């Protein structure tokens, strides 16, 4: 378990992490989200002892990272995949890490196979693609068979097969009862992988919830209806708090404020044939953008059409 208690980190006049409080629980994949500059990477560095907090605590299984006798066997992390000497082979890098923690040669071979690195294990890391570097980083994080795994942008540079591998790997680790914390800017992938969410903006906690609850809260309750008699259906469901809109002559209606089940029952009671009844659910990306709109430091302008661009 990871426990963040009133965590603060300042760099001069800048507050990167501002009184964060949250717990990352075992048995589920927890997504760690936030706009660029929100403080995610700083928080992860504080968790694994790469930086010291200004105040507050980041606890790994009840202790600060530095107080564990064998920290690699408590928590495995991938924060920067390129932090490997380019002249070393993948095997040599993992073997060196293993020797510092009393980890067997057999475990090195196991994580090499797990990460799909067997064919390149004795090649120099400097020649690795971004995706292969990520696989080596994941292998390093899992080397100590830790109960906690923290990964920053783990699918960065991976091909579709690699993305699927990471997804199944993380779910499998959580199913074994481990604590899994991952950050990513890929909302579609996070929606498929994570169960819980921690969302921060400008160093502050914005949400601590599940993916399903977070998306449901952002859902505006919009239902698209196609039916045989839109005019009569509109009369049946036009009650206070319900908005019904549609183009004249069209069989399509957009209903806000009434669940699809109630619309279907009203149509059935009045002999109106429904051709389509489609609840419009918000996506994780839409919910995230709505929540963090005021926490984004850099907003892009509208796209410029090619024909309007000036040329030297």
C-alpha atoms as a PDB file:
ATOM      1  CA  UNK A   1       0.000   0.000   0.000  1.00  0.00           C
ATOM      2  CA  UNK A   2       1.102   3.567  -0.711  1.00  0.00           C
ATOM      3  CA  UNK A   3       0.007   6.267   1.723  1.00  0.00           C
ATOM      4  CA  UNK A   4       0.435   9.945   0.869  1.00  0.00           C
ATOM      5  CA  UNK A   5      -0.060  12.134   3.922  1.00  0.00           C
ATOM      6  CA  UNK A   6      -0.153  15.955   3.678  1.00  0.00           C
ATOM      7  CA  UNK A   7       2.659  15.753   1.124  1.00  0.00           C
ATOM      8  CA  UNK A   8       4.270  19.041   0.075  1.00  0.00           C
ATOM      9  CA  UNK A   9       7.206  19.675  -2.254  1.00  0.00           C
ATOM     10  CA  UNK A  10       8.486  23.146  -3.061  1.00  0.00           C
ATOM     11  CA  UNK A  11      11.284  24.173  -5.376  1.00  0.00           C
ATOM     12  CA  UNK A  12      12.089  27.734  -4.373  1.00  0.00           C
ATOM     13  CA  UNK A  13       8.913  29.762  -4.890  1.00  0.00           C
ATOM     14  CA  UNK A  14       7.212  26.999  -6.882  1.00  0.00           C
ATOM     15  CA  UNK A  15       4.958  24.489  -5.122  1.00  0.00           C
ATOM     16  CA  UNK A  16       4.978  21.299  -7.179  1.00  0.00           C
ATOM     17  CA  UNK A  17       2.990  19.183  -4.698  1.00  0.00           C
ATOM     18  CA  UNK A  18       0.504  20.925  -2.427  1.00  0.00           C
ATOM     19  CA  UNK A  19      -0.834  19.047   0.642  1.00  0.00           C
ATOM     20  CA  UNK A  20      -1.663  15.805  -1.155  1.00  0.00           C
ATOM     21  CA  UNK A  21      -3.556  13.128   0.742  1.00  0.00           C
ATOM     22  CA  UNK A  22      -4.485   9.782  -0.833  1.00  0.00           C
ATOM     23  CA  UNK A  23      -3.999   6.036  -0.503  1.00  0.00           C
ATOM     24  CA  UNK A  24      -3.191   3.601  -3.303  1.00  0.00           C
ATOM     25  CA  UNK A  25      -4.780   0.289  -2.349  1.00  0.00           C
ATOM     26  CA  UNK A  26      -3.679  -3.243  -3.252  1.00  0.00           C
ATOM     27  CA  UNK A  27      -5.681  -5.483  -5.536  1.00  0.00           C
ATOM     28  CA  UNK A  28      -6.610  -2.874  -8.155  1.00  0.00           C
ATOM     29  CA  UNK A  29      -4.845  -0.856 -10.852  1.00  0.00           C
ATOM     30  CA  UNK A  30      -4.891   2.821  -9.872  1.00  0.00           C
ATOM     31  CA  UNK A  31      -4.464   5.427 -12.597  1.00  0.00           C
ATOM     32  CA  UNK A  32      -2.574   8.602 -11.654  1.00  0.00           C
ATOM     33  CA  UNK A  33      -3.787  11.423 -13.889  1.00  0.00           C
ATOM     34  CA  UNK A  34      -3.218  15.132 -14.287  1.00  0.00           C
ATOM     35  CA  UNK A  35      -2.261  17.727 -16.903  1.00  0.00           C
ATOM     36  CA  UNK A  36       1.385  18.452 -17.692  1.00  0.00           C
ATOM     37  CA  UNK A  37       2.975  20.136 -14.697  1.00  0.00           C
ATOM     38  CA  UNK A  38       0.344  18.812 -12.289  1.00  0.00           C
ATOM     39  CA  UNK A  39       2.958  17.217 -10.008  1.00  0.00           C
ATOM     40  CA  UNK A  40       2.575  13.542 -10.973  1.00  0.00           C
ATOM     41  CA  UNK A  41       6.251  12.842 -11.676  1.00  0.00           C
ATOM     42  CA  UNK A  42       7.322  14.769  -8.579  1.00  0.00           C
ATOM     43  CA  UNK A  43       4.928  12.748  -6.430  1.00  0.00           C
ATOM     44  CA  UNK A  44       6.248   9.494  -7.881  1.00  0.00           C
ATOM     45  CA  UNK A  45       9.825  10.601  -7.199  1.00  0.00           C
ATOM     46  CA  UNK A  46       8.881  11.340  -3.596  1.00  0.00           C
ATOM     47  CA  UNK A  47       7.299   7.884  -3.247  1.00  0.00           C
ATOM     48  CA  UNK A  48      10.475   6.070  -4.348  1.00  0.00           C
ATOM     49  CA  UNK A  49      12.888   8.290  -2.441  1.00  0.00           C
ATOM     50  CA  UNK A  50      14.421  10.125  -5.389  1.00  0.00           C
ATOM     51  CA  UNK A  51      13.473  13.435  -3.789  1.00  0.00           C
ATOM     52  CA  UNK A  52      12.762  14.535  -0.227  1.00  0.00           C
ATOM     53  CA  UNK A  53       9.449  16.154   0.708  1.00  0.00           C
ATOM     54  CA  UNK A  54       9.330  19.689   2.035  1.00  0.00           C
ATOM     55  CA  UNK A  55       6.777  18.374   4.521  1.00  0.00           C
ATOM     56  CA  UNK A  56       4.380  15.446   4.887  1.00  0.00           C
ATOM     57  CA  UNK A  57       5.081  11.789   4.199  1.00  0.00           C
ATOM     58  CA  UNK A  58       5.059   9.240   1.401  1.00  0.00           C
ATOM     59  CA  UNK A  59       4.872   5.766   2.925  1.00  0.00           C
ATOM     60  CA  UNK A  60       5.555   2.455   1.181  1.00  0.00           C
ATOM     61  CA  UNK A  61       4.032  -0.423   3.146  1.00  0.00           C
ATOM     62  CA  UNK A  62       4.054   1.753   6.252  1.00  0.00           C
ATOM     63  CA  UNK A  63       7.610   3.109   5.939  1.00  0.00           C
ATOM     64  CA  UNK A  64       9.485   5.756   4.001  1.00  0.00           C
ATOM     65  CA  UNK A  65      11.254   4.202   1.010  1.00  0.00           C
ATOM     66  CA  UNK A  66      14.743   4.788   2.469  1.00  0.00           C
ATOM     67  CA  UNK A  67      13.898   2.889   5.665  1.00  0.00           C
ATOM     68  CA  UNK A  68      13.360  -0.434   3.879  1.00  0.00           C
ATOM     69  CA  UNK A  69      16.278  -2.859   4.045  1.00  0.00           C
ATOM     70  CA  UNK A  70      15.559  -4.136   0.496  1.00  0.00           C
ATOM     71  CA  UNK A  71      13.506  -1.405  -1.198  1.00  0.00           C
ATOM     72  CA  UNK A  72      13.611  -3.070  -4.630  1.00  0.00           C
ATOM     73  CA  UNK A  73      11.695  -5.981  -3.137  1.00  0.00           C
ATOM     74  CA  UNK A  74       9.095  -3.640  -1.633  1.00  0.00           C
ATOM     75  CA  UNK A  75       8.427  -1.360  -4.598  1.00  0.00           C
ATOM     76  CA  UNK A  76       9.463  -1.530  -8.240  1.00  0.00           C
ATOM     77  CA  UNK A  77       9.348   1.618 -10.342  1.00  0.00           C
ATOM     78  CA  UNK A  78       9.742   2.837 -13.893  1.00  0.00           C
ATOM     79  CA  UNK A  79      10.124   6.613 -13.933  1.00  0.00           C
ATOM     80  CA  UNK A  80      12.695   7.110 -16.685  1.00  0.00           C
ATOM     81  CA  UNK A  81      13.290   4.260 -19.104  1.00  0.00           C
ATOM     82  CA  UNK A  82      16.498   5.810 -20.498  1.00  0.00           C
ATOM     83  CA  UNK A  83      18.307   5.837 -17.144  1.00  0.00           C
ATOM     84  CA  UNK A  84      20.504   2.898 -18.218  1.00  0.00           C
ATOM     85  CA  UNK A  85      24.123   3.060 -19.393  1.00  0.00           C
ATOM     86  CA  UNK A  86      23.934   2.665 -23.202  1.00  0.00           C
ATOM     87  CA  UNK A  87      27.050   0.491 -23.256  1.00  0.00           C
ATOM     88  CA  UNK A  88      25.523  -2.189 -21.026  1.00  0.00           C
ATOM     89  CA  UNK A  89      23.485  -5.101 -22.256  1.00  0.00           C
ATOM     90  CA  UNK A  90      19.974  -5.653 -20.920  1.00  0.00           C
ATOM     91  CA  UNK A  91      21.178  -8.758 -19.080  1.00  0.00           C
ATOM     92  CA  UNK A  92      24.170  -6.963 -17.539  1.00  0.00           C
ATOM     93  CA  UNK A  93      21.988  -4.095 -16.333  1.00  0.00           C
ATOM     94  CA  UNK A  94      19.469  -6.405 -14.681  1.00  0.00           C
ATOM     95  CA  UNK A  95      22.213  -8.657 -13.250  1.00  0.00           C
ATOM     96  CA  UNK A  96      23.934  -5.651 -11.676  1.00  0.00           C
ATOM     97  CA  UNK A  97      20.660  -4.546 -10.070  1.00  0.00           C
ATOM     98  CA  UNK A  98      20.052  -8.077  -8.844  1.00  0.00           C
ATOM     99  CA  UNK A  99      23.480  -8.360  -7.200  1.00  0.00           C
ATOM    100  CA  UNK A 100      22.885  -5.205  -5.136  1.00  0.00           C
ATOM    101  CA  UNK A 101      19.759  -6.794  -3.597  1.00  0.00           C
ATOM    102  CA  UNK A 102      20.713 -10.456  -3.334  1.00  0.00           C
ATOM    103  CA  UNK A 103      18.373 -11.431  -6.186  1.00  0.00           C
ATOM    104  CA  UNK A 104      19.138 -14.662  -8.039  1.00  0.00           C
ATOM    105  CA  UNK A 105      20.329 -15.096 -11.620  1.00  0.00           C
ATOM    106  CA  UNK A 106      17.184 -17.177 -12.182  1.00  0.00           C
ATOM    107  CA  UNK A 107      14.991 -14.148 -11.425  1.00  0.00           C
ATOM    108  CA  UNK A 108      16.940 -12.090 -13.968  1.00  0.00           C
ATOM    109  CA  UNK A 109      16.220 -14.702 -16.623  1.00  0.00           C
ATOM    110  CA  UNK A 110      12.560 -14.795 -15.581  1.00  0.00           C
ATOM    111  CA  UNK A 111      11.951 -11.039 -15.984  1.00  0.00           C
ATOM    112  CA  UNK A 112      13.847 -10.993 -19.286  1.00  0.00           C
ATOM    113  CA  UNK A 113      11.453 -13.628 -20.595  1.00  0.00           C
ATOM    114  CA  UNK A 114       8.433 -11.906 -19.028  1.00  0.00           C
ATOM    115  CA  UNK A 115       9.291  -8.611 -20.727  1.00  0.00           C
ATOM    116  CA  UNK A 116       9.875 -10.217 -24.129  1.00  0.00           C
ATOM    117  CA  UNK A 117      13.603  -9.355 -24.139  1.00  0.00           C
ATOM    118  CA  UNK A 118      15.081 -12.828 -24.628  1.00  0.00           C
ATOM    119  CA  UNK A 119      16.209 -12.171 -28.213  1.00  0.00           C
ATOM    120  CA  UNK A 120      17.989  -8.912 -27.296  1.00  0.00           C
ATOM    121  CA  UNK A 121      19.137  -9.701 -23.758  1.00  0.00           C
ATOM    122  CA  UNK A 122      22.819  -9.579 -24.724  1.00  0.00           C
ATOM    123  CA  UNK A 123      22.598  -6.535 -26.991  1.00  0.00           C
ATOM    124  CA  UNK A 124      23.679  -3.083 -25.851  1.00  0.00           C
ATOM    125  CA  UNK A 125      20.875  -0.909 -24.536  1.00  0.00           C
ATOM    126  CA  UNK A 126      22.121   2.068 -26.566  1.00  0.00           C
ATOM    127  CA  UNK A 127      20.746   0.390 -29.693  1.00  0.00           C
ATOM    128  CA  UNK A 128      17.294  -0.271 -28.243  1.00  0.00           C
ATOM    129  CA  UNK A 129      14.165   1.316 -29.638  1.00  0.00           C
ATOM    130  CA  UNK A 130      11.976   3.364 -27.303  1.00  0.00           C
ATOM    131  CA  UNK A 131       9.610   0.426 -26.906  1.00  0.00           C
ATOM    132  CA  UNK A 132      12.385  -2.040 -26.054  1.00  0.00           C
ATOM    133  CA  UNK A 133      13.743   0.471 -23.530  1.00  0.00           C
ATOM    134  CA  UNK A 134      10.302   0.561 -21.919  1.00  0.00           C
ATOM    135  CA  UNK A 135      10.245  -3.239 -21.709  1.00  0.00           C
ATOM    136  CA  UNK A 136      13.637  -3.179 -19.990  1.00  0.00           C
ATOM    137  CA  UNK A 137      12.341  -0.553 -17.569  1.00  0.00           C
ATOM    138  CA  UNK A 138       9.358  -2.745 -16.696  1.00  0.00           C
ATOM    139  CA  UNK A 139      11.654  -5.742 -16.260  1.00  0.00           C
ATOM    140  CA  UNK A 140      13.789  -3.678 -13.855  1.00  0.00           C
ATOM    141  CA  UNK A 141      10.690  -2.651 -11.893  1.00  0.00           C
ATOM    142  CA  UNK A 142       9.606  -6.282 -11.500  1.00  0.00           C
ATOM    143  CA  UNK A 143      13.067  -7.680 -10.723  1.00  0.00           C
ATOM    144  CA  UNK A 144      12.586  -7.772  -6.948  1.00  0.00           C
ATOM    145  CA  UNK A 145       9.124  -9.377  -7.267  1.00  0.00           C
ATOM    146  CA  UNK A 146       7.740  -6.336  -5.380  1.00  0.00           C
ATOM    147  CA  UNK A 147       4.337  -5.988  -3.765  1.00  0.00           C
ATOM    148  CA  UNK A 148       4.065  -2.433  -5.121  1.00  0.00           C
ATOM    149  CA  UNK A 149       4.648  -1.317  -8.731  1.00  0.00           C
ATOM    150  CA  UNK A 150       4.830   2.340  -9.817  1.00  0.00           C
ATOM    151  CA  UNK A 151       5.091   3.036 -13.553  1.00  0.00           C
ATOM    152  CA  UNK A 152       5.232   6.437 -15.259  1.00  0.00           C
ATOM    153  CA  UNK A 153       3.845   6.305 -18.828  1.00  0.00           C
ATOM    154  CA  UNK A 154       4.524   2.554 -19.208  1.00  0.00           C
ATOM    155  CA  UNK A 155       3.037   2.247 -22.737  1.00  0.00           C
ATOM    156  CA  UNK A 156       5.129   5.086 -24.156  1.00  0.00           C
ATOM    157  CA  UNK A 157       6.721   3.876 -27.411  1.00  0.00           C
ATOM    158  CA  UNK A 158       5.156   0.416 -27.324  1.00  0.00           C
ATOM    159  CA  UNK A 159       3.512  -1.133 -30.384  1.00  0.00           C
ATOM    160  CA  UNK A 160      -0.064  -2.501 -30.135  1.00  0.00           C
ATOM    161  CA  UNK A 161       1.165  -5.916 -28.988  1.00  0.00           C
ATOM    162  CA  UNK A 162       3.258  -4.250 -26.300  1.00  0.00           C
ATOM    163  CA  UNK A 163       0.348  -2.113 -25.119  1.00  0.00           C
ATOM    164  CA  UNK A 164      -1.814  -5.219 -24.795  1.00  0.00           C
ATOM    165  CA  UNK A 165       1.002  -6.966 -22.912  1.00  0.00           C
ATOM    166  CA  UNK A 166       1.268  -4.090 -20.395  1.00  0.00           C
ATOM    167  CA  UNK A 167      -2.505  -4.029 -19.922  1.00  0.00           C
ATOM    168  CA  UNK A 168      -2.692  -7.737 -19.116  1.00  0.00           C
ATOM    169  CA  UNK A 169       0.469  -7.566 -16.995  1.00  0.00           C
ATOM    170  CA  UNK A 170      -0.862  -4.765 -14.777  1.00  0.00           C
ATOM    171  CA  UNK A 171      -4.235  -6.427 -14.337  1.00  0.00           C
ATOM    172  CA  UNK A 172      -2.490  -9.694 -13.474  1.00  0.00           C
ATOM    173  CA  UNK A 173      -0.321  -7.997 -10.845  1.00  0.00           C
ATOM    174  CA  UNK A 174      -3.404  -6.410  -9.267  1.00  0.00           C
ATOM    175  CA  UNK A 175      -5.251  -9.748  -9.334  1.00  0.00           C
ATOM    176  CA  UNK A 176      -2.355 -11.192  -7.305  1.00  0.00           C
ATOM    177  CA  UNK A 177      -3.107  -8.594  -4.611  1.00  0.00           C
ATOM    178  CA  UNK A 178      -0.299  -6.179  -5.466  1.00  0.00           C
ATOM    179  CA  UNK A 179      -0.512  -2.392  -5.386  1.00  0.00           C
ATOM    180  CA  UNK A 180      -0.263  -0.925  -8.903  1.00  0.00           C
ATOM    181  CA  UNK A 181       0.030   2.822  -9.641  1.00  0.00           C
ATOM    182  CA  UNK A 182       0.410   4.014 -13.240  1.00  0.00           C
ATOM    183  CA  UNK A 183       0.409   7.416 -14.875  1.00  0.00           C
ATOM    184  CA  UNK A 184      -0.538   8.011 -18.486  1.00  0.00           C
ATOM    185  CA  UNK A 185      -1.855  10.673 -20.830  1.00  0.00           C
ATOM    186  CA  UNK A 186      -3.614   8.000 -22.922  1.00  0.00           C
ATOM    187  CA  UNK A 187      -7.137   8.180 -21.545  1.00  0.00           C
ATOM    188  CA  UNK A 188      -8.501   5.374 -23.714  1.00  0.00           C
ATOM    189  CA  UNK A 189      -5.863   2.976 -22.426  1.00  0.00           C
ATOM    190  CA  UNK A 190      -6.354   4.128 -18.840  1.00  0.00           C
ATOM    191  CA  UNK A 191     -10.093   3.471 -19.136  1.00  0.00           C
ATOM    192  CA  UNK A 192      -9.322  -0.110 -20.234  1.00  0.00           C
ATOM    193  CA  UNK A 193      -6.654  -0.779 -17.593  1.00  0.00           C
ATOM    194  CA  UNK A 194      -7.390   1.107 -14.373  1.00  0.00           C
ATOM    195  CA  UNK A 195     -10.131   0.529 -11.810  1.00  0.00           C
ATOM    196  CA  UNK A 196      -9.361   3.436  -9.459  1.00  0.00           C
ATOM    197  CA  UNK A 197      -8.263   6.995 -10.215  1.00  0.00           C
ATOM    198  CA  UNK A 198      -6.199   9.634  -8.451  1.00  0.00           C
ATOM    199  CA  UNK A 199      -6.384  12.952 -10.328  1.00  0.00           C
ATOM    200  CA  UNK A 200      -4.308  15.999  -9.426  1.00  0.00           C
ATOM    201  CA  UNK A 201      -3.983  19.502 -10.841  1.00  0.00           C
ATOM    202  CA  UNK A 202      -1.361  22.100  -9.928  1.00  0.00           C
ATOM    203  CA  UNK A 203      -0.174  19.852  -7.141  1.00  0.00           C
ATOM    204  CA  UNK A 204      -3.581  19.492  -5.471  1.00  0.00           C
ATOM    205  CA  UNK A 205      -5.907  16.504  -5.280  1.00  0.00           C
ATOM    206  CA  UNK A 206      -8.901  16.878  -7.620  1.00  0.00           C
ATOM    207  CA  UNK A 207     -10.445  13.403  -7.431  1.00  0.00           C
ATOM    208  CA  UNK A 208      -9.974  10.097  -5.614  1.00  0.00           C
ATOM    209  CA  UNK A 209     -12.545   7.710  -7.051  1.00  0.00           C
ATOM    210  CA  UNK A 210     -13.174   4.781  -9.369  1.00  0.00           C
ATOM    211  CA  UNK A 211     -13.191   5.046 -13.162  1.00  0.00           C
ATOM    212  CA  UNK A 212     -16.877   4.095 -13.365  1.00  0.00           C
ATOM    213  CA  UNK A 213     -17.971   6.603 -10.704  1.00  0.00           C
ATOM    214  CA  UNK A 214     -15.878   9.376 -12.209  1.00  0.00           C
ATOM    215  CA  UNK A 215     -17.323   8.893 -15.688  1.00  0.00           C
ATOM    216  CA  UNK A 216     -20.865   8.539 -14.326  1.00  0.00           C
ATOM    217  CA  UNK A 217     -20.576  11.871 -12.491  1.00  0.00           C
ATOM    218  CA  UNK A 218     -19.630  13.561 -15.761  1.00  0.00           C
ATOM    219  CA  UNK A 219     -22.482  11.952 -17.666  1.00  0.00           C
ATOM    220  CA  UNK A 220     -25.161  14.496 -18.542  1.00  0.00           C
ATOM    221  CA  UNK A 221     -27.857  11.828 -18.884  1.00  0.00           C
ATOM    222  CA  UNK A 222     -28.354  12.293 -22.631  1.00  0.00           C
ATOM    223  CA  UNK A 223     -30.385   9.696 -24.555  1.00  0.00           C
ATOM    224  CA  UNK A 224     -30.824   9.610 -28.343  1.00  0.00           C
ATOM    225  CA  UNK A 225     -34.218   8.248 -29.436  1.00  0.00           C
ATOM    226  CA  UNK A 226     -35.502   7.277 -32.885  1.00  0.00           C
ATOM    227  CA  UNK A 227     -39.193   6.393 -32.949  1.00  0.00           C
ATOM    228  CA  UNK A 228     -42.334   6.146 -35.081  1.00  0.00           C
ATOM    229  CA  UNK A 229     -44.110   9.130 -33.482  1.00  0.00           C
ATOM    230  CA  UNK A 230     -41.623  11.639 -32.023  1.00  0.00           C
ATOM    231  CA  UNK A 231     -44.282  14.302 -31.516  1.00  0.00           C
ATOM    232  CA  UNK A 232     -46.426  12.125 -29.275  1.00  0.00           C
ATOM    233  CA  UNK A 233     -43.426  10.721 -27.392  1.00  0.00           C
ATOM    234  CA  UNK A 234     -42.271  14.252 -26.718  1.00  0.00           C
ATOM    235  CA  UNK A 235     -45.669  15.012 -25.120  1.00  0.00           C
ATOM    236  CA  UNK A 236     -45.459  11.874 -22.967  1.00  0.00           C
ATOM    237  CA  UNK A 237     -42.026  12.611 -21.493  1.00  0.00           C
ATOM    238  CA  UNK A 238     -41.988  16.443 -21.404  1.00  0.00           C
ATOM    239  CA  UNK A 239     -42.135  16.756 -17.613  1.00  0.00           C
ATOM    240  CA  UNK A 240     -40.344  19.296 -15.379  1.00  0.00           C
ATOM    241  CA  UNK A 241     -36.590  18.727 -15.431  1.00  0.00           C
ATOM    242  CA  UNK A 242     -36.609  16.921 -18.791  1.00  0.00           C
ATOM    243  CA  UNK A 243     -35.407  18.558 -22.008  1.00  0.00           C
ATOM    244  CA  UNK A 244     -36.483  17.098 -25.369  1.00  0.00           C
ATOM    245  CA  UNK A 245     -35.143  18.474 -28.646  1.00  0.00           C
ATOM    246  CA  UNK A 246     -35.410  17.375 -32.271  1.00  0.00           C
ATOM    247  CA  UNK A 247     -35.479  18.727 -35.805  1.00  0.00           C
ATOM    248  CA  UNK A 248     -38.926  19.237 -37.395  1.00  0.00           C
ATOM    249  CA  UNK A 249     -39.883  16.248 -39.547  1.00  0.00           C
ATOM    250  CA  UNK A 250     -37.170  14.051 -38.050  1.00  0.00           C
ATOM    251  CA  UNK A 251     -37.840  10.847 -36.142  1.00  0.00           C
ATOM    252  CA  UNK A 252     -34.827  11.545 -33.901  1.00  0.00           C
ATOM    253  CA  UNK A 253     -35.065  13.110 -30.452  1.00  0.00           C
ATOM    254  CA  UNK A 254     -32.406  14.064 -27.929  1.00  0.00           C
ATOM    255  CA  UNK A 255     -33.580  13.682 -24.324  1.00  0.00           C
ATOM    256  CA  UNK A 256     -31.794  15.110 -21.289  1.00  0.00           C
ATOM    257  CA  UNK A 257     -32.763  14.347 -17.713  1.00  0.00           C
ATOM    258  CA  UNK A 258     -34.641  11.052 -18.172  1.00  0.00           C
ATOM    259  CA  UNK A 259     -33.116   7.545 -18.170  1.00  0.00           C
ATOM    260  CA  UNK A 260     -33.432   5.337 -21.236  1.00  0.00           C
ATOM    261  CA  UNK A 261     -35.523   2.819 -19.276  1.00  0.00           C
ATOM    262  CA  UNK A 262     -38.191   5.435 -18.484  1.00  0.00           C
ATOM    263  CA  UNK A 263     -38.305   6.583 -22.097  1.00  0.00           C
ATOM    264  CA  UNK A 264     -38.755   3.001 -23.318  1.00  0.00           C
ATOM    265  CA  UNK A 265     -41.543   2.337 -20.821  1.00  0.00           C
ATOM    266  CA  UNK A 266     -43.375   5.529 -21.843  1.00  0.00           C
ATOM    267  CA  UNK A 267     -43.148   4.529 -25.508  1.00  0.00           C
ATOM    268  CA  UNK A 268     -44.414   1.008 -24.770  1.00  0.00           C
ATOM    269  CA  UNK A 269     -47.395   2.267 -22.760  1.00  0.00           C
ATOM    270  CA  UNK A 270     -48.450   4.497 -25.651  1.00  0.00           C
ATOM    271  CA  UNK A 271     -47.860   2.073 -28.522  1.00  0.00           C
ATOM    272  CA  UNK A 272     -44.949   4.032 -29.973  1.00  0.00           C
ATOM    273  CA  UNK A 273     -42.413   1.942 -31.867  1.00  0.00           C
ATOM    274  CA  UNK A 274     -38.798   2.596 -30.931  1.00  0.00           C
ATOM    275  CA  UNK A 275     -36.153   2.128 -33.616  1.00  0.00           C
ATOM    276  CA  UNK A 276     -33.247   3.244 -31.408  1.00  0.00           C
ATOM    277  CA  UNK A 277     -32.777   4.088 -27.728  1.00  0.00           C
ATOM    278  CA  UNK A 278     -29.136   4.984 -27.082  1.00  0.00           C
ATOM    279  CA  UNK A 279     -27.763   6.409 -23.800  1.00  0.00           C
ATOM    280  CA  UNK A 280     -24.824   8.710 -24.525  1.00  0.00           C
ATOM    281  CA  UNK A 281     -22.155   8.058 -21.875  1.00  0.00           C
ATOM    282  CA  UNK A 282     -19.280  10.443 -21.245  1.00  0.00           C
ATOM    283  CA  UNK A 283     -15.798   9.078 -21.925  1.00  0.00           C
ATOM    284  CA  UNK A 284     -12.954   9.155 -19.409  1.00  0.00           C
ATOM    285  CA  UNK A 285     -11.235  11.728 -21.605  1.00  0.00           C
ATOM    286  CA  UNK A 286     -14.281  14.016 -21.591  1.00  0.00           C
ATOM    287  CA  UNK A 287     -14.685  13.692 -17.832  1.00  0.00           C
ATOM    288  CA  UNK A 288     -10.968  14.353 -17.280  1.00  0.00           C
ATOM    289  CA  UNK A 289     -10.939  17.411 -19.541  1.00  0.00           C
ATOM    290  CA  UNK A 290     -13.957  18.864 -17.765  1.00  0.00           C
ATOM    291  CA  UNK A 291     -12.438  18.367 -14.315  1.00  0.00           C
ATOM    292  CA  UNK A 292      -8.960  19.705 -15.146  1.00  0.00           C
ATOM    293  CA  UNK A 293      -9.989  22.598 -17.396  1.00  0.00           C
ATOM    294  CA  UNK A 294      -8.922  25.176 -14.813  1.00  0.00           C
ATOM    295  CA  UNK A 295      -5.726  23.314 -13.909  1.00  0.00           C
ATOM    296  CA  UNK A 296      -4.067  23.366 -17.328  1.00  0.00           C
ATOM    297  CA  UNK A 297      -1.118  25.739 -17.545  1.00  0.00           C
ATOM    298  CA  UNK A 298      -0.804  25.683 -21.340  1.00  0.00           C
ATOM    299  CA  UNK A 299      -3.802  25.911 -23.649  1.00  0.00           C
ATOM    300  CA  UNK A 300      -3.334  25.354 -27.385  1.00  0.00           C
ATOM    301  CA  UNK A 301      -4.988  27.766 -29.790  1.00  0.00           C
ATOM    302  CA  UNK A 302      -7.387  26.689 -32.536  1.00  0.00           C
ATOM    303  CA  UNK A 303      -5.831  24.798 -35.459  1.00  0.00           C
ATOM    304  CA  UNK A 304      -4.705  26.972 -38.350  1.00  0.00           C
ATOM    305  CA  UNK A 305      -5.896  25.923 -41.801  1.00  0.00           C
ATOM    306  CA  UNK A 306      -3.069  25.285 -44.241  1.00  0.00           C
ATOM    307  CA  UNK A 307      -4.444  27.829 -46.690  1.00  0.00           C
ATOM    308  CA  UNK A 308      -4.268  30.633 -44.092  1.00  0.00           C
ATOM    309  CA  UNK A 309      -0.687  30.047 -43.010  1.00  0.00           C
ATOM    310  CA  UNK A 310       1.838  32.638 -44.047  1.00  0.00           C
ATOM    311  CA  UNK A 311       4.846  31.500 -46.032  1.00  0.00           C
ATOM    312  CA  UNK A 312       8.301  33.083 -46.065  1.00  0.00           C
END
